Every structure is written in structure tokens, then in C-alpha cells.
Amino acid sequence: MAGRLSSDDLADALRLNGLRVTPQRLVIHRVLGEIGGHATADQVLERVEALLPNVSLPTVYATLALFERLGAVHRVSAPGDRAVYDTRTDPHHHVYCRVCGGVVDLDAPVDLSPAVDAANESGFGAEWVEVTLTGVCRSCAGADAN
């Protein structure tokens, strides 16, 4: 899928920034890819611990923050101060299920240029624009109907 950084590209980005390519960083990146896009730090830790038992939650958070600075992930803020990390880093939008907490990519054109133009005119330099729609996913809506 578009906008996903390969392990080789991640290793290159780490080296270019004077950082070490560690087993923890590579495993966390691999786990993010296996999860398939949107994962919380807790979900990442659960999978990483099976491979590297000594990895802690603070290590996962620090690595995810590093990956965000390197452009390897995008942090998506979900309602309730919940963050998920998206390995798809090209501009796109999301839908968030308020029942199960799932976050899914939404590939739909949304013209936000009037908002960006207004922000720029007020002296604010917009760097990232995304829309997150909140509602109930099909699975949860079906469960409520039963």
C-alpha cells in the first residue's frame, strides 16, 4: 500500500540520522507491518514481547515517537486521548468506531483547501490535514442489532 516505509528504508533513515539500527527497532517496525496499519502502543508491545521479552512499554512509546519523527509512522489521535500509529504515511483520512475503537483508512477526496487557506492567511503554517469521522462500524452496528 502507498506510503509505507520498508525495513531497509527505515534502517537507512536511522543511519542517516546517526541512530543505531537495533533489534528492538526492527522488530517493532515489523510488528507494525504485521498488524496491518493501525496499532496502539499496547498492541505493539503485546506482539513484540513474544519475540523480545525484555522490551518495555516505554521503549515501544519511545520507538514509535522516533518512527514518527523519521516519517515511518503517522500518529492518529482518536477520541478519548487514544493514539494509534499508522504505517501508511501518505495523506489520507480515517474512520473511528466509538464502540470497538477500530481505526480504518478512508480513501475519499475531502477538499479542505478553504480551511488550509484560512489558516495560512492567519499566519498558521498547516503541516498536516486529516479528517477523522467518528461513528459505529458495520460489525458493531450488526452486534447492536442482534
Protein backbone atom coordinates (compact mmCIF):
# COMPACT_ATOMS: atom_id res chain seq x y z
CA MET A 1 0.00 0.00 0.00
CA ALA A 2 1.13 3.56 -0.65
CA GLY A 3 3.14 5.46 1.88
CA ARG A 4 4.62 2.55 3.84
CA LEU A 5 8.32 2.55 4.71
CA SER A 6 10.23 -0.70 4.11
CA SER A 7 12.60 -2.12 6.72
CA ASP A 8 15.57 -1.24 4.51
CA ASP A 9 14.33 2.35 4.18
CA LEU A 10 13.86 2.54 7.95
CA ALA A 11 17.40 1.27 8.53
CA ASP A 12 18.72 3.87 6.07
CA ALA A 13 16.73 6.65 7.79
CA LEU A 14 18.07 5.60 11.19
CA ARG A 15 21.66 5.61 9.94
CA LEU A 16 21.24 8.95 8.13
CA ASN A 17 20.12 10.45 11.43
CA GLY A 18 23.08 8.99 13.32
CA LEU A 19 20.94 6.39 15.07
CA ARG A 20 21.58 2.72 15.58
CA VAL A 21 19.62 0.01 13.81
CA THR A 22 18.68 -2.11 16.84
CA PRO A 23 16.80 -5.40 17.03
CA GLN A 24 14.08 -3.66 19.07
CA ARG A 25 13.53 -1.01 16.41
CA LEU A 26 13.43 -3.55 13.60
CA VAL A 27 11.04 -5.86 15.46
CA ILE A 28 8.70 -3.01 16.40
CA HIS A 29 8.65 -1.89 12.75
CA ARG A 30 7.98 -5.45 11.58
CA VAL A 31 5.17 -5.91 14.11
CA LEU A 32 3.55 -2.66 12.96
CA GLY A 33 3.54 -4.02 9.42
CA GLU A 34 2.11 -7.36 10.54
CA ILE A 35 -0.69 -5.69 12.48
CA GLY A 36 -1.64 -4.02 9.24
CA GLY A 37 -1.72 -0.32 9.71
CA HIS A 38 -3.30 0.99 12.88
CA ALA A 39 -1.99 -0.14 16.25
CA THR A 40 -1.80 1.19 19.77
CA ALA A 41 1.45 1.01 21.72
CA ASP A 42 -0.11 -1.70 23.91
CA GLN A 43 -0.97 -3.81 20.85
CA VAL A 44 2.57 -3.43 19.56
CA LEU A 45 4.05 -4.38 22.93
CA GLU A 46 1.89 -7.49 23.17
CA ARG A 47 3.28 -8.82 19.89
CA VAL A 48 6.84 -7.62 20.42
CA GLU A 49 7.07 -9.32 23.84
CA ALA A 50 6.57 -12.69 22.17
CA LEU A 51 9.76 -12.05 20.17
CA LEU A 52 11.77 -9.88 22.56
CA PRO A 53 10.54 -10.46 26.14
CA ASN A 54 12.63 -7.67 27.67
CA VAL A 55 11.06 -4.84 25.66
CA SER A 56 9.02 -2.45 27.82
CA LEU A 57 6.09 -0.16 27.08
CA PRO A 58 8.27 2.97 27.47
CA THR A 59 10.64 1.50 24.84
CA VAL A 60 7.70 0.97 22.48
CA TYR A 61 6.46 4.54 23.02
CA ALA A 62 9.95 5.99 22.53
CA THR A 63 10.43 3.94 19.36
CA LEU A 64 7.04 4.96 17.97
CA ALA A 65 7.87 8.62 18.67
CA LEU A 66 11.19 8.15 16.89
CA PHE A 67 9.47 6.47 13.93
CA GLU A 68 7.06 9.41 13.77
CA ARG A 69 9.95 11.90 13.63
CA LEU A 70 11.55 9.82 10.86
CA GLY A 71 8.30 9.67 8.88
CA ALA A 72 7.90 5.91 9.27
CA VAL A 73 4.55 6.19 11.08
CA HIS A 74 1.84 8.76 11.50
CA ARG A 75 0.23 9.20 14.92
CA VAL A 76 -3.55 9.31 14.61
CA SER A 77 -5.33 10.88 17.57
CA ALA A 78 -8.54 9.05 18.31
CA PRO A 79 -11.22 10.27 20.71
CA GLY A 80 -10.51 9.79 24.40
CA ASP A 81 -6.80 10.67 24.21
CA ARG A 82 -6.17 7.34 22.48
CA ALA A 83 -3.43 7.25 19.87
CA VAL A 84 -2.94 4.73 17.14
CA TYR A 85 0.09 4.56 14.92
CA ASP A 86 -0.45 4.25 11.19
CA THR A 87 2.28 2.85 8.96
CA ARG A 88 0.63 4.50 5.98
CA THR A 89 2.18 7.95 5.89
CA ASP A 90 0.73 9.46 2.73
CA PRO A 91 -2.09 11.99 3.26
CA HIS A 92 -5.39 10.19 3.89
CA HIS A 93 -8.31 10.24 6.30
CA HIS A 94 -9.74 7.84 8.91
CA VAL A 95 -12.95 6.48 10.35
CA TYR A 96 -13.07 5.66 14.06
CA CYS A 97 -15.58 3.29 15.67
CA ARG A 98 -16.67 4.64 19.05
CA VAL A 99 -17.75 1.14 20.13
CA CYS A 100 -14.74 -1.09 19.38
CA GLY A 101 -12.12 1.64 18.95
CA GLY A 102 -11.16 0.46 15.48
CA VAL A 103 -9.49 2.91 13.10
CA VAL A 104 -9.65 2.35 9.35
CA ASP A 105 -8.18 4.29 6.43
CA LEU A 106 -10.66 6.32 4.43
CA ASP A 107 -9.62 6.97 0.86
CA ALA A 108 -12.01 9.72 -0.11
CA PRO A 109 -11.25 13.14 -1.51
CA VAL A 110 -12.04 15.85 1.01
CA ASP A 111 -11.49 19.44 -0.08
CA LEU A 112 -10.01 21.13 2.95
CA SER A 113 -8.28 23.86 0.95
CA PRO A 114 -10.58 26.62 2.30
CA ALA A 115 -9.60 25.68 5.87
CA VAL A 116 -5.91 25.44 4.97
CA ASP A 117 -6.05 28.77 3.10
CA ALA A 118 -7.72 30.45 6.09
CA ALA A 119 -5.10 29.01 8.45
CA ASN A 120 -2.27 30.17 6.21
CA GLU A 121 -3.79 33.64 5.87
CA SER A 122 -3.92 33.93 9.66
CA GLY A 123 -0.20 33.14 9.85
CA PHE A 124 -0.54 29.48 10.79
CA GLY A 125 1.55 27.12 8.67
CA ALA A 126 -0.51 23.96 8.26
CA GLU A 127 1.70 20.87 8.04
CA TRP A 128 -0.80 18.02 8.06
CA VAL A 129 -4.53 17.92 7.41
CA GLU A 130 -6.67 14.91 8.11
CA VAL A 131 -10.31 14.16 8.77
CA THR A 132 -11.38 11.51 11.27
CA LEU A 133 -15.03 10.52 11.13
CA THR A 134 -16.43 9.03 14.34
CA GLY A 135 -19.32 6.59 14.30
CA VAL A 136 -20.14 2.90 14.56
CA CYS A 137 -18.55 0.31 12.26
CA ARG A 138 -20.56 -2.33 10.43
CA SER A 139 -19.52 -5.12 12.82
CA CYS A 140 -20.53 -3.20 15.93
CA ALA A 141 -23.76 -1.97 14.34
CA GLY A 142 -24.61 -5.58 13.49
CA ALA A 143 -23.87 -6.70 17.05
CA ASP A 144 -26.19 -3.99 18.40
CA ALA A 145 -28.96 -5.19 16.09
CA ASN A 146 -28.78 -8.75 17.46
